[in-house]
Protein backbone atom coordinates (compact mmCIF):
# COMPACT_ATOMS: atom_id res chain seq x y z
CA MET A 1 0.04 -0.03 0.00
CA ARG A 2 1.45 3.31 -0.68
CA GLY A 3 0.49 6.69 -1.06
CA ALA A 4 -2.60 8.31 0.06
CA GLN A 5 -4.06 5.45 1.55
CA ARG A 6 -1.01 4.65 3.56
CA GLU A 7 -0.76 8.15 5.28
CA ALA A 8 -4.23 8.39 5.49
CA LEU A 9 -4.02 4.97 7.96
CA ILE A 10 -0.66 6.71 9.70
CA ALA A 11 -2.77 9.80 10.18
CA ASP A 12 -5.57 7.92 11.52
CA ILE A 13 -4.20 5.63 14.35
CA SER A 14 -1.60 8.52 15.35
CA THR A 15 -2.42 11.14 18.19
CA ASP A 16 -1.17 14.37 18.20
CA GLN A 17 1.55 13.68 20.47
CA ASN A 18 3.64 10.70 17.85
CA ARG A 19 2.14 12.03 14.44
CA GLY A 20 5.30 13.72 13.64
CA ARG A 21 7.29 10.35 14.63
CA ASN A 22 5.46 8.01 13.42
CA PHE A 23 5.56 9.87 9.15
CA GLY A 24 9.14 10.02 10.28
CA VAL A 25 9.42 5.81 10.66
CA LEU A 26 7.34 5.84 7.91
CA ARG A 27 9.50 7.91 5.36
CA ALA A 28 12.35 6.17 6.96
CA ILE A 29 11.35 2.90 5.85
CA ASP A 30 10.03 4.03 2.54
CA ASN A 31 13.95 5.27 1.82
CA LEU A 32 15.26 1.99 2.95
CA GLY A 33 12.81 0.07 0.98
CA ALA A 34 13.83 2.02 -2.27
CA VAL A 35 17.77 1.87 -1.60
CA PHE A 36 18.05 -1.94 -0.55
CA GLY A 37 15.19 -2.94 -3.28
CA ILE A 38 17.43 -1.43 -6.09
CA VAL A 39 20.96 -3.05 -4.46
CA PHE A 40 18.83 -6.64 -3.87
CA CYS A 41 17.89 -6.37 -7.58
CA ILE A 42 21.44 -5.71 -8.69
CA VAL A 43 22.53 -8.11 -6.78
CA CYS A 44 19.95 -11.11 -7.94
CA PHE A 45 20.42 -9.71 -11.69
CA ARG A 46 24.82 -9.41 -11.41
CA LEU A 47 25.58 -12.22 -9.60
CA LEU A 48 22.92 -14.83 -8.82
CA ASN A 49 21.82 -14.64 -12.78
CA ILE A 50 18.09 -14.21 -12.14
CA GLY A 51 16.06 -12.93 -14.54
CA TYR A 52 12.84 -10.22 -14.02
CA ARG A 53 10.29 -13.45 -14.15
CA GLU A 54 12.11 -15.33 -11.15
CA LEU A 55 12.31 -12.03 -9.33
CA PHE A 56 8.54 -11.07 -9.56
CA PHE A 57 7.49 -14.18 -8.24
CA PHE A 58 10.52 -13.91 -5.11
CA ALA A 59 8.51 -10.44 -4.56
CA ALA A 60 4.55 -11.67 -5.37
CA PRO A 61 4.15 -13.56 -1.80
CA SER A 62 5.01 -10.31 0.10
CA SER A 63 2.58 -8.47 -1.40
CA VAL A 64 -0.27 -10.85 -1.17
CA ILE A 65 0.78 -11.24 3.00
CA GLY A 66 0.65 -7.39 3.09
CA ALA A 67 -2.23 -7.73 1.32
CA ILE A 68 -4.21 -10.48 3.30
CA VAL A 69 -3.26 -8.45 6.34
CA VAL A 70 -4.24 -5.02 5.59
CA ILE A 71 -7.72 -7.23 4.81
CA ILE A 72 -7.78 -9.10 7.68
CA PHE A 73 -6.36 -6.51 10.34
CA ILE A 74 -7.52 -3.14 8.90
CA ARG A 75 -10.85 -1.62 9.68
CA GLU A 76 -12.09 1.33 9.06
CA LYS A 77 -13.01 4.04 12.23
CA LYS A 78 -17.13 5.24 12.20
CA LEU A 79 -17.38 8.67 12.19
CA GLU A 80 -18.82 10.45 15.08
CA THR A 81 -21.79 11.90 14.08
CA LYS A 82 -23.31 15.37 15.79
CA LYS A 83 -26.76 15.06 16.47
CA TYR A 84 -28.48 18.64 16.07
CA SER A 85 -31.68 19.47 17.27
CA LYS A 86 -35.10 19.70 15.12
CA ASN A 87 -35.07 23.31 15.85
CA PHE A 88 -31.34 24.12 14.80
CA PHE A 89 -32.78 26.81 12.10
């Protein structure tokens, strides 16, 4: 999960006290993944003679596991609705 959905999830589960730290950790992990992902691909291509097809098959299980975790454990919070009296206007 990337982009606005991930950031909305982080903002939703964060408090005012830890929101900055949570987004900082998110950025750090995102950047580490970008760097180490490229290094891992280079190692697989050059040293291990693994092609694109094998690399995608290697990456697929982690994507499926991530999707299952999101489907099972992430629930949308119910928004509190404010009730107004009938004589509001």
